[in-house]
Protein backbone atom coordinates (compact mmCIF):
# COMPACT_ATOMS: atom_id res chain seq x y z
CA UNK A 1 4.17 1.67 13.49
CA UNK A 2 4.88 5.35 12.63
CA UNK A 3 4.93 6.68 16.11
CA UNK A 4 4.55 10.45 16.53
CA UNK A 5 4.96 12.82 19.45
CA UNK A 6 1.47 14.11 19.96
CA UNK A 7 0.88 17.88 19.21
CA UNK A 8 -0.14 20.10 21.98
CA UNK A 9 -3.13 21.19 20.08
CA UNK A 10 -5.11 19.84 16.97
CA UNK A 11 -4.08 21.48 13.59
CA UNK A 12 -7.16 21.70 11.29
CA UNK A 13 -6.65 21.36 7.42
CA UNK A 14 -10.49 21.24 6.23
CA UNK A 15 -13.81 22.49 7.64
CA UNK A 16 -15.04 19.16 8.43
CA UNK A 17 -15.99 19.32 12.25
CA UNK A 18 -14.91 15.74 13.01
CA UNK A 19 -12.34 14.66 10.49
CA UNK A 20 -11.05 18.11 9.40
CA UNK A 21 -7.51 17.50 11.41
CA UNK A 22 -6.71 14.65 8.92
CA UNK A 23 -3.29 15.40 7.35
CA UNK A 24 -2.19 14.73 3.92
CA UNK A 25 -0.73 11.29 4.78
CA UNK A 26 -3.94 10.27 6.57
CA UNK A 27 -1.79 9.12 9.67
CA UNK A 28 -3.51 9.27 13.09
CA UNK A 29 -0.36 10.99 14.56
CA UNK A 30 -1.62 12.22 17.88
CA UNK A 31 -3.35 8.88 18.58
CA UNK A 32 -0.39 6.73 17.54
CA UNK A 33 1.15 5.97 20.87
CA UNK A 34 -2.26 4.81 22.21
CA UNK A 35 -2.82 2.82 19.22
CA UNK A 36 0.49 1.08 19.70
CA UNK A 37 -0.22 0.64 23.55
CA UNK A 38 -3.46 -1.28 22.71
CA UNK A 39 -1.77 -3.52 20.28
CA UNK A 40 0.85 -4.37 22.75
CA UNK A 41 -1.76 -4.95 25.27
CA UNK A 42 -3.66 -7.34 22.85
CA UNK A 43 -0.30 -9.13 22.11
CA UNK A 44 0.48 -9.41 25.91
CA UNK A 45 -2.84 -11.00 26.56
CA UNK A 46 -2.79 -13.66 23.77
CA UNK A 47 -0.72 -16.56 25.28
CA UNK A 48 -0.21 -18.01 21.73
CA UNK A 49 1.90 -15.11 20.61
CA UNK A 50 5.79 -15.83 21.25
CA UNK A 51 7.32 -13.17 19.18
CA UNK A 52 6.61 -9.70 17.93
CA UNK A 53 8.26 -8.65 14.61
CA UNK A 54 8.13 -5.10 13.41
CA UNK A 55 9.29 -4.46 9.69
CA UNK A 56 10.49 -0.99 10.05
CA UNK A 57 9.27 2.64 10.45
CA UNK A 58 8.94 2.38 14.14
CA UNK A 59 8.91 6.16 14.33
CA UNK A 60 7.54 8.52 11.86
CA UNK A 61 9.84 11.28 12.27
CA UNK A 62 12.71 8.98 13.40
CA UNK A 63 15.62 10.66 11.35
CA UNK A 64 14.98 13.99 12.87
CA UNK A 65 13.23 13.51 16.03
CA UNK A 66 15.20 10.89 18.00
CA UNK A 67 12.80 11.44 20.97
CA UNK A 68 10.40 9.39 19.07
CA UNK A 69 12.68 6.42 18.99
CA UNK A 70 13.27 6.66 22.62
CA UNK A 71 9.51 6.46 23.28
CA UNK A 72 8.97 3.40 21.07
CA UNK A 73 11.98 1.67 22.52
CA UNK A 74 10.63 2.16 26.04
CA UNK A 75 7.18 0.85 25.06
CA UNK A 76 8.84 -2.28 23.66
CA UNK A 77 11.17 -2.66 26.59
CA UNK A 78 8.14 -2.57 29.04
CA UNK A 79 6.40 -5.22 26.83
CA UNK A 80 9.21 -7.54 26.81
CA UNK A 81 9.91 -7.29 30.51
CA UNK A 82 6.25 -7.79 31.50
CA UNK A 83 5.43 -10.57 29.01
CA UNK A 84 8.81 -12.44 28.39
CA UNK A 85 7.87 -12.29 24.55
CA UNK A 86 10.80 -11.19 22.43
CA UNK A 87 10.60 -8.29 20.13
CA UNK A 88 12.69 -8.13 16.79
CA UNK A 89 12.92 -4.89 14.67
CA UNK A 90 14.38 -3.56 11.59
CA UNK A 91 14.76 0.02 10.40
CA UNK A 92 12.33 1.59 7.80
CA UNK A 93 13.05 4.75 5.65
CA UNK A 94 11.69 6.90 8.38
CA UNK A 95 14.01 5.64 11.17
CA UNK A 96 17.70 6.63 10.14
CA UNK A 97 19.79 8.25 7.60
CA UNK A 98 23.27 10.01 7.41
CA UNK A 99 23.53 12.37 10.38
CA UNK A 100 23.79 16.16 9.41
CA UNK A 101 21.68 19.31 9.52
CA UNK A 102 18.36 17.49 9.18
CA UNK A 103 19.26 14.10 10.49
CA UNK A 104 20.32 13.25 14.13
CA UNK A 105 19.56 9.54 13.93
CA UNK A 106 22.22 7.46 12.15
CA UNK A 107 22.78 3.78 11.99
CA UNK A 108 24.77 3.68 15.25
CA UNK A 109 22.11 5.69 17.16
CA UNK A 110 19.29 3.33 15.74
CA UNK A 111 21.53 0.15 16.86
CA UNK A 112 21.97 1.64 20.27
CA UNK A 113 18.43 2.65 20.95
CA UNK A 114 17.11 -0.83 19.63
CA UNK A 115 19.86 -3.11 20.84
CA UNK A 116 17.46 -5.23 22.94
CA UNK A 117 15.28 -5.95 20.04
CA UNK A 118 17.28 -8.28 17.97
CA UNK A 119 20.64 -6.83 17.69
CA UNK A 120 22.33 -7.96 21.14
CA UNK A 121 21.57 -11.54 20.73
CA UNK A 122 22.08 -11.82 16.91
CA UNK A 123 23.88 -14.79 15.42
CA UNK A 124 25.08 -12.92 12.29
CA UNK A 125 25.27 -9.03 11.63
CA UNK A 126 25.85 -7.11 8.55
CA UNK A 127 25.29 -3.42 9.19
CA UNK A 128 21.74 -3.04 10.57
CA UNK A 129 20.87 -6.54 9.23
CA UNK A 130 21.01 -9.68 11.56
CA UNK A 131 19.88 -13.10 12.06
CA UNK A 132 18.06 -14.62 15.15
CA UNK A 133 16.41 -17.84 15.95
CA UNK A 134 12.75 -18.09 16.47
CA UNK A 135 11.93 -21.00 18.70
CA UNK A 136 13.23 -24.42 17.71
CA UNK A 137 12.43 -24.58 14.03
CA UNK A 138 12.74 -21.05 12.45
CA UNK A 139 15.44 -18.50 11.91
CA UNK A 140 14.64 -14.90 11.26
CA UNK A 141 16.62 -13.17 8.63
CA UNK A 142 16.21 -9.32 9.46
CA UNK A 143 17.28 -7.17 6.40
CA UNK A 144 18.07 -3.41 6.31
CA UNK A 145 16.62 -2.81 2.86
CA UNK A 146 17.10 1.16 3.21
CA UNK A 147 19.43 3.51 1.48
CA UNK A 148 20.32 6.16 4.23
CA UNK A 149 20.83 8.75 1.50
CA UNK A 150 17.41 8.35 0.01
CA UNK A 151 13.99 9.42 1.25
CA UNK A 152 11.77 6.37 0.25
CA UNK A 153 13.53 4.14 -2.34
CA UNK A 154 15.49 0.94 -1.47
CA UNK A 155 19.16 0.55 -0.91
CA UNK A 156 19.44 -3.06 -2.16
CA UNK A 157 22.73 -4.16 -3.56
CA UNK A 158 24.10 -7.58 -4.86
CA UNK A 159 25.82 -7.98 -1.38
CA UNK A 160 22.67 -7.72 0.39
CA UNK A 161 20.74 -10.25 -1.82
CA UNK A 162 23.67 -12.65 -1.50
CA UNK A 163 23.89 -12.19 2.24
CA UNK A 164 20.22 -13.33 2.63
CA UNK A 165 21.05 -16.39 0.37
CA UNK A 166 24.01 -17.18 2.65
CA UNK A 167 22.13 -16.82 5.75
CA UNK A 168 19.34 -19.04 4.26
CA UNK A 169 21.77 -21.66 3.57
CA UNK A 170 23.15 -21.54 7.25
CA UNK A 171 19.77 -21.76 8.62
CA UNK A 172 19.09 -25.09 6.64
CA UNK A 173 22.65 -26.24 7.62
CA UNK A 174 21.57 -25.66 11.13
CA UNK A 175 18.17 -27.69 10.76
CA UNK A 176 16.08 -24.42 10.71
CA UNK A 177 13.63 -22.85 8.17
CA UNK A 178 14.44 -19.18 7.18
CA UNK A 179 11.91 -16.48 7.39
CA UNK A 180 12.87 -13.00 5.84
CA UNK A 181 11.80 -9.71 7.21
CA UNK A 182 12.65 -6.35 5.41
CA UNK A 183 11.03 -2.83 5.05
CA UNK A 184 10.50 -2.62 1.37
CA UNK A 185 8.28 -4.82 -0.65
CA UNK A 186 9.62 -7.82 -2.37
CA UNK A 187 6.56 -8.66 -4.69
CA UNK A 188 3.93 -6.30 -6.24
CA UNK A 189 1.11 -5.49 -4.01
CA UNK A 190 -0.77 -3.61 -6.58
CA UNK A 191 -0.79 -3.98 -10.53
CA UNK A 192 2.34 -2.34 -11.94
CA UNK A 193 3.54 -1.35 -8.66
CA UNK A 194 7.12 -0.70 -10.16
CA UNK A 195 5.42 1.96 -12.34
CA UNK A 196 2.84 3.48 -10.10
CA UNK A 197 4.76 3.23 -6.79
CA UNK A 198 8.35 2.57 -7.65
CA UNK A 199 10.12 3.53 -4.57
CA UNK A 200 8.16 0.91 -2.54
CA UNK A 201 9.21 -2.17 -4.06
CA UNK A 202 13.17 -3.29 -4.19
CA UNK A 203 14.86 -3.00 -7.71
CA UNK A 204 15.14 -6.15 -9.56
CA UNK A 205 12.42 -7.54 -7.42
CA UNK A 206 11.39 -10.51 -9.87
CA UNK A 207 15.07 -11.64 -10.14
CA UNK A 208 15.72 -11.41 -6.52
CA UNK A 209 12.42 -13.13 -5.55
CA UNK A 210 13.59 -16.11 -7.77
CA UNK A 211 17.02 -16.28 -5.95
CA UNK A 212 15.46 -16.02 -2.60
CA UNK A 213 13.02 -18.55 -3.38
CA UNK A 214 15.35 -21.09 -4.68
CA UNK A 215 17.34 -20.56 -1.49
CA UNK A 216 14.27 -21.97 0.44
CA UNK A 217 12.82 -18.86 1.74
CA UNK A 218 8.90 -19.27 1.57
CA UNK A 219 7.87 -16.53 3.97
CA UNK A 220 8.67 -12.68 3.79
CA UNK A 221 7.48 -9.88 5.99
CA UNK A 222 7.31 -6.32 4.55
CA UNK A 223 5.83 -2.97 5.02
CA UNK A 224 6.34 0.42 3.38
CA UNK A 225 3.39 0.42 0.94
CA UNK A 226 0.97 0.70 3.96
CA UNK A 227 -1.54 -1.89 2.60
CA UNK A 228 -2.58 -5.16 3.88
CA UNK A 229 -1.71 -7.46 1.14
CA UNK A 230 -0.40 -10.93 0.47
CA UNK A 231 1.24 -11.84 -2.82
CA UNK A 232 2.74 -15.33 -3.92
CA UNK A 233 5.41 -15.80 -6.63
CA UNK A 234 6.65 -19.02 -7.87
CA UNK A 235 10.16 -19.15 -9.47
CA UNK A 236 11.03 -20.83 -12.75
CA UNK A 237 12.40 -23.87 -10.64
CA UNK A 238 9.06 -24.12 -8.92
CA UNK A 239 9.93 -22.56 -5.36
CA UNK A 240 7.14 -20.32 -4.00
CA UNK A 241 7.78 -17.38 -1.88
CA UNK A 242 5.05 -15.23 -0.16
CA UNK A 243 5.33 -11.56 0.73
CA UNK A 244 3.09 -10.27 3.44
CA UNK A 245 3.04 -6.33 3.45
CA UNK A 246 1.29 -5.19 6.50
CA UNK A 247 -0.27 -1.66 6.71
CA UNK A 248 1.00 1.07 9.10
CA UNK A 249 -0.50 0.23 12.54
CA UNK A 250 -1.44 3.93 13.07
CA UNK A 251 -3.38 4.21 9.59
CA UNK A 252 -6.64 2.68 8.67
CA UNK A 253 -7.35 -0.18 8.98
CA UNK A 254 -5.27 -0.01 12.18
CA UNK A 255 -4.15 -3.75 11.70
CA UNK A 256 -1.37 -6.11 12.62
CA UNK A 257 -0.85 -9.73 11.58
CA UNK A 258 -1.12 -12.98 13.60
CA UNK A 259 0.83 -15.67 11.93
CA UNK A 260 0.74 -19.32 13.10
CA UNK A 261 3.41 -21.78 11.89
CA UNK A 262 3.36 -25.49 11.36
CA UNK A 263 5.38 -27.95 9.23
CA UNK A 264 2.47 -28.33 6.64
CA UNK A 265 0.66 -24.93 6.99
CA UNK A 266 1.21 -21.16 7.57
CA UNK A 267 -2.01 -19.63 8.77
CA UNK A 268 -2.40 -15.96 8.92
CA UNK A 269 -5.09 -13.54 10.41
CA UNK A 270 -5.52 -9.86 10.56
CA UNK A 271 -5.98 -8.37 14.02
CA UNK A 272 -7.58 -4.81 14.46
CA UNK A 273 -7.24 -2.01 17.13
CA UNK A 274 -10.81 -0.75 17.61
CA UNK A 275 -10.35 1.42 20.72
CA UNK A 276 -7.86 3.38 22.42
CA UNK A 277 -7.83 5.37 25.87
CA UNK A 278 -9.63 8.49 24.70
CA UNK A 279 -9.45 9.91 28.15
CA UNK A 280 -5.55 9.85 27.98
CA UNK A 281 -5.81 11.36 24.53
CA UNK A 282 -7.93 14.43 25.58
CA UNK A 283 -5.26 15.13 28.39
CA UNK A 284 -2.44 14.96 26.04
CA UNK A 285 -3.90 17.05 23.07
CA UNK A 286 -6.02 20.13 23.33
CA UNK A 287 -8.79 20.73 20.77
CA UNK A 288 -10.71 17.50 20.63
CA UNK A 289 -14.45 17.88 20.77
CA UNK A 290 -16.90 15.77 22.48
CA UNK A 291 -18.46 14.80 19.04
CA UNK A 292 -14.85 13.65 17.84
CA UNK A 293 -14.32 11.51 21.04
CA UNK A 294 -17.88 10.13 20.79
CA UNK A 295 -17.17 8.87 17.19
CA UNK A 296 -13.80 7.36 18.31
CA UNK A 297 -15.69 5.51 21.19
CA UNK A 298 -18.18 4.07 18.73
CA UNK A 299 -15.34 2.17 17.01
CA UNK A 300 -11.87 3.53 16.31
CA UNK A 301 -11.44 1.63 12.95
CA UNK A 302 -14.59 3.30 11.48
CA UNK A 303 -13.35 6.45 12.53
CA UNK A 304 -9.86 5.85 11.01
CA UNK A 305 -11.54 5.03 7.50
CA UNK A 306 -13.26 8.16 7.40
CA UNK A 307 -10.19 10.00 8.62
CA UNK A 308 -8.16 8.23 5.88
CA UNK A 309 -10.70 9.16 3.24
CA UNK A 310 -10.56 12.86 4.29
CA UNK A 311 -6.69 12.67 4.29
CA UNK A 312 -6.49 10.98 1.09
CA UNK A 313 -8.84 13.57 -0.52
CA UNK A 314 -6.72 16.51 0.95
CA UNK A 315 -3.69 15.01 -0.51
CA UNK A 316 -4.98 13.99 -3.95
CA UNK A 317 -6.51 17.34 -4.63
CA UNK A 318 -3.13 18.74 -4.34
CA UNK A 319 -1.45 15.96 -6.09
CA UNK A 320 -2.99 16.77 -9.58
CA UNK A 321 0.27 18.44 -10.32
CA UNK A 322 2.37 18.05 -13.48
CA UNK A 323 4.99 15.84 -11.77
CA UNK A 324 2.52 13.36 -10.44
CA UNK A 325 0.64 13.08 -13.92
CA UNK A 326 4.01 12.69 -15.82
CA UNK A 327 3.44 15.70 -18.15
CA UNK A 328 5.37 18.80 -18.95
CA UNK A 329 4.62 22.14 -20.66
CA UNK A 330 6.58 20.96 -23.67
CA UNK A 331 4.38 18.02 -24.43
CA UNK A 332 2.23 18.37 -27.40
CA UNK A 333 -0.82 17.16 -25.31
CA UNK A 334 0.05 19.08 -22.12
CA UNK A 335 -2.78 21.72 -22.42
CA UNK A 336 -5.45 19.03 -23.18
CA UNK A 337 -4.35 16.65 -20.27
CA UNK A 338 -4.01 19.66 -17.73
CA UNK A 339 -7.51 21.02 -18.71
CA UNK A 340 -9.05 17.40 -18.55
CA UNK A 341 -7.41 16.84 -15.01
CA UNK A 342 -8.53 20.29 -13.74
CA UNK A 343 -12.08 19.92 -14.85
CA UNK A 344 -12.07 16.38 -13.49
CA UNK A 345 -11.11 17.72 -10.02
CA UNK A 346 -13.79 20.20 -10.23
CA UNK A 347 -16.42 17.71 -10.99
CA UNK A 348 -15.20 15.49 -8.19
CA UNK A 349 -16.08 18.29 -5.84
CA UNK A 350 -19.58 18.77 -7.01
CA UNK A 351 -22.48 17.19 -4.94
CA UNK A 352 -23.13 13.77 -6.67
CA UNK A 353 -26.84 14.06 -6.06
CA UNK A 354 -29.65 16.73 -5.73
CA UNK A 355 -30.00 20.33 -7.12
CA UNK A 356 -26.76 21.47 -9.12
CA UNK A 357 -25.21 17.90 -8.72
CA UNK A 358 -23.18 15.85 -11.04
CA UNK A 359 -26.25 13.57 -11.60
CA UNK A 360 -28.23 16.45 -12.67
CA UNK A 361 -25.83 17.76 -15.02
CA UNK A 362 -24.98 14.35 -16.32
CA UNK A 363 -28.72 13.86 -17.50
CA UNK A 364 -28.37 16.86 -19.71
CA UNK A 365 -25.83 14.68 -21.71
CA UNK A 366 -27.93 11.38 -21.32
CA UNK A 367 -25.63 10.05 -18.62
CA UNK A 368 -27.40 8.31 -15.77
CA UNK A 369 -25.33 8.13 -12.60
CA UNK A 370 -26.85 5.46 -10.34
CA UNK A 371 -28.32 6.38 -6.93
CA UNK A 372 -25.95 5.60 -4.11
CA UNK A 373 -24.94 6.62 -0.61
CA UNK A 374 -22.00 8.59 -1.80
CA UNK A 375 -21.91 12.23 -1.34
CA UNK A 376 -19.58 13.37 -4.11
CA UNK A 377 -17.02 11.86 -6.52
CA UNK A 378 -14.24 12.11 -4.08
CA UNK A 379 -16.29 9.89 -1.74
CA UNK A 380 -16.20 7.24 -4.30
CA UNK A 381 -12.58 7.57 -5.11
CA UNK A 382 -11.46 7.50 -1.47
CA UNK A 383 -13.46 4.47 -0.95
CA UNK A 384 -11.45 2.67 -3.42
CA UNK A 385 -8.17 3.80 -1.72
CA UNK A 386 -9.46 2.71 1.59
CA UNK A 387 -10.18 -0.71 0.16
CA UNK A 388 -6.66 -0.99 -1.22
CA UNK A 389 -5.34 -0.12 2.33
CA UNK A 390 -7.46 -2.66 4.04
CA UNK A 391 -6.89 -5.59 1.59
CA UNK A 392 -9.03 -8.28 0.55
CA UNK A 393 -10.56 -5.98 -2.04
CA UNK A 394 -13.66 -7.01 -4.02
CA UNK A 395 -14.30 -4.25 -6.42
CA UNK A 396 -14.79 -5.63 -10.02
CA UNK A 397 -14.23 -2.66 -12.32
CA UNK A 398 -17.89 -2.49 -13.42
CA UNK A 399 -19.71 -2.75 -10.06
CA UNK A 400 -21.66 0.36 -9.04
CA UNK A 401 -18.81 2.07 -7.26
CA UNK A 402 -16.36 2.10 -9.83
CA UNK A 403 -18.97 2.70 -12.58
CA UNK A 404 -20.11 5.82 -10.86
CA UNK A 405 -16.63 7.12 -11.03
CA UNK A 406 -16.28 6.16 -14.66
CA UNK A 407 -19.58 8.11 -15.61
CA UNK A 408 -18.36 11.20 -13.76
CA UNK A 409 -15.24 11.11 -15.77
CA UNK A 410 -17.42 10.69 -18.98
CA UNK A 411 -19.38 13.86 -17.83
CA UNK A 412 -16.28 15.83 -17.79
CA UNK A 413 -15.47 15.18 -21.42
CA UNK A 414 -19.12 15.68 -22.63
CA UNK A 415 -19.81 18.91 -20.79
CA UNK A 416 -16.45 20.56 -21.21
CA UNK A 417 -14.42 19.24 -24.29
CA UNK A 418 -16.84 18.66 -27.13
CA UNK A 419 -15.12 21.22 -29.31
CA UNK A 420 -11.73 19.31 -29.46
CA UNK A 421 -10.84 17.27 -32.56
CA UNK A 422 -11.04 13.51 -31.77
CA UNK A 423 -7.49 12.99 -33.24
CA UNK A 424 -6.16 15.01 -30.31
CA UNK A 425 -7.72 12.94 -27.87
CA UNK A 426 -6.39 9.77 -29.53
CA UNK A 427 -2.70 11.17 -29.70
CA UNK A 428 -2.91 12.18 -25.92
CA UNK A 429 -4.34 8.87 -25.08
CA UNK A 430 -1.74 6.97 -26.73
CA UNK A 431 1.10 9.06 -25.19
CA UNK A 432 -0.53 8.18 -21.80
CA UNK A 433 -0.73 4.59 -22.47
CA UNK A 434 2.72 4.49 -23.77
CA UNK A 435 3.93 6.21 -20.52
CA UNK A 436 2.05 3.72 -18.34
CA UNK A 437 3.37 0.52 -19.99
CA UNK A 438 1.92 -2.56 -21.39
CA UNK A 439 0.28 -3.80 -18.16
CA UNK A 440 -2.34 -0.93 -18.16
CA UNK A 441 -3.55 -1.82 -21.61
CA UNK A 442 -5.57 -4.83 -20.27
CA UNK A 443 -7.44 -2.69 -18.16
CA UNK A 444 -8.04 0.12 -20.41
CA UNK A 445 -9.47 -2.34 -23.14
CA UNK A 446 -11.55 -4.30 -20.69
CA UNK A 447 -13.10 -1.03 -19.51
CA UNK A 448 -13.73 0.25 -23.12
CA UNK A 449 -15.15 -2.90 -24.48
CA UNK A 450 -17.27 -3.35 -21.48
CA UNK A 451 -19.07 -0.13 -22.41
CA UNK A 452 -18.66 -0.20 -26.29
CA UNK A 453 -21.50 1.87 -27.15
CA UNK A 454 -21.10 5.58 -27.22
CA UNK A 455 -17.57 5.69 -26.09
CA UNK A 456 -16.20 9.01 -27.45
CA UNK A 457 -12.49 9.91 -28.18
CA UNK A 458 -12.43 11.93 -25.01
CA UNK A 459 -13.71 9.24 -22.78
CA UNK A 460 -11.09 7.07 -24.26
CA UNK A 461 -8.44 9.59 -23.01
CA UNK A 462 -9.88 9.73 -19.52
CA UNK A 463 -9.89 5.98 -19.36
CA UNK A 464 -6.30 6.01 -20.26
CA UNK A 465 -5.35 8.54 -17.56
CA UNK A 466 -7.53 6.95 -14.81
CA UNK A 467 -7.70 3.21 -15.42
CA UNK A 468 -4.20 2.40 -13.91
CA UNK A 469 -5.15 4.00 -10.71
CA UNK A 470 -8.77 2.46 -10.68
CA UNK A 471 -7.24 -0.88 -11.36
CA UNK A 472 -4.56 -0.62 -8.83
CA UNK A 473 -7.08 0.25 -5.96
CA UNK A 474 -10.05 -1.72 -7.13
CA UNK A 475 -8.76 -5.21 -7.83
CA UNK A 476 -6.79 -7.76 -6.00
CA UNK A 477 -4.66 -10.68 -7.35
CA UNK A 478 -6.77 -13.46 -5.94
CA UNK A 479 -4.77 -14.23 -2.78
CA UNK A 480 -6.70 -13.40 0.44
CA UNK A 481 -4.83 -10.68 2.02
CA UNK A 482 -6.11 -10.90 5.68
CA UNK A 483 -7.22 -14.35 6.55
CA UNK A 484 -5.93 -17.50 4.96
CA UNK A 485 -3.15 -20.13 4.81
CA UNK A 486 -0.22 -20.98 2.64
CA UNK A 487 1.94 -24.13 2.37
CA UNK A 488 4.34 -24.72 5.39
CA UNK A 489 7.91 -25.18 4.91
CA UNK A 490 7.58 -28.76 5.26
CA UNK A 491 5.74 -28.94 1.82
CA UNK A 492 8.30 -29.28 -0.93
CA UNK A 493 6.12 -30.11 -4.02
CA UNK A 494 8.11 -28.15 -6.47
CA UNK A 495 7.03 -30.27 -9.47
CA UNK A 496 3.40 -29.27 -9.16
CA UNK A 497 4.48 -25.54 -8.66
CA UNK A 498 6.44 -25.66 -11.68
CA UNK A 499 3.23 -26.89 -13.72
CA UNK A 500 0.97 -24.42 -12.16
CA UNK A 501 3.52 -21.58 -12.74
CA UNK A 502 4.02 -22.49 -16.34
CA UNK A 503 0.34 -22.79 -16.93
CA UNK A 504 -0.41 -19.42 -15.38
CA UNK A 505 2.33 -17.75 -17.27
CA UNK A 506 1.11 -19.10 -20.66
CA UNK A 507 -2.37 -18.12 -19.81
CA UNK A 508 -1.27 -14.77 -18.78
CA UNK A 509 0.67 -14.34 -22.05
CA UNK A 510 -2.29 -15.62 -24.08
CA UNK A 511 -4.62 -13.16 -22.54
CA UNK A 512 -2.24 -10.19 -22.94
CA UNK A 513 -1.84 -11.05 -26.64
CA UNK A 514 -5.64 -11.60 -27.12
CA UNK A 515 -6.21 -8.24 -25.38
CA UNK A 516 -3.62 -6.40 -27.49
CA UNK A 517 -5.24 -7.72 -30.66
CA UNK A 518 -8.63 -6.34 -29.34
CA UNK A 519 -6.96 -3.14 -28.46
CA UNK A 520 -5.66 -2.68 -32.25
CA UNK A 521 -9.19 -3.55 -33.45
CA UNK A 522 -10.75 -0.95 -31.21
CA UNK A 523 -8.30 1.71 -32.30
CA UNK A 524 -8.96 0.93 -36.08
CA UNK A 525 -12.66 1.04 -35.54
CA UNK A 526 -12.38 4.25 -33.62
CA UNK A 527 -10.31 5.84 -36.24
CA UNK A 528 -12.31 4.67 -39.07
């Protein structure tokens, strides 16, 4: 939920008169308490909702500002008392740490503050992990996946993995189905998440997913990645486990999940917060204009999307640093990659259309950027990021949105780097590909072969740099993220799952091998 104590006055980060207060995390901090209030109101009015599960990060600055936790606990306590619906929580990486100079909330304090929300009536306890019954058929395994010594990465151990298995066994022995909730992701929620976002998925995640699936766990709730994404994995034994990551409630798309369980089917639906008490917001925080409040009142979700896009641009513009790019001055290709990225950043800031635009410049190099409603390259790039957060992405790499961004990248090379020898580009591209891993090669080659006329060595390097990011935010894995259904716990057709899993794995390996051959052919053709 990432609750924040609101500021006394707005702090501005850009000149945009409406969204210029969007911070680098694109989190609606001042509005967070009111967004949480609206979510709780919706849950209170829905008679079908029996339980509210919160998968960590209850407070945004929970380690250092314990008052944020007190505020969240008060909201949850009022909800329980007025509705009779039970709330269950686990900590996230923002919630507690090792008490010291910069941390006031330790495990003991977290346990005390949230005692009413799972801990006080737990069946089994292991640190800040516990189990509790949900109705007559299910048992919640609430796992603390954090390392209190770390900022974002997980704290998974062999003991925690086995504790989950033991609790799943006990659930079945008691005639109940186990549901797992943890903060860190169990499965990939974007391609090559372990490479691109390695602190958000648990270590040894595939092996652990196999163990937990074989222990009979079908359903997992997670957070951390701040995306709405559903991913399913089948173990070699044919047991399927699904990980539902849910985006931060106080960031676009301002969503929470509604899950309905039956023996045969588990259905899920995304619920959205689209309005808050803006009068209360104005009373709490100085600096909001009438225009800002009017835009919020038109629809908070649309407002949150543009707020996210502004925040992401603010962050990424400052994120084109050496560490994020994985380069260092001692690298042979350092100067080239640094210059490419700096020029790319400048082009992203150019107007996309009109006088002095990227489209006008591109025509000098026989590049035609299609007309669209986007204002600049950043507008296109942040749209793809917003799609990843919202889930159910449908952005094939060569639809207009992604193609515009690719053409902008081509413009960077053709306008600025014609003087560089092709072999330098190839060497840099090969190094970047090696750093990204084999998973990115498929996307790189698909992009190159789809535009196999006029691809220069420089463009090849840019594709190598950008394609993992494009693929991660533009494509989904075929599982509907927001509204759909999966098999319930009563479905035990492992034989069918084994066959489907083997067929999928074989097809995936064949495609990778075929793609790799195409990759080699393309390299030879380019070099010759």
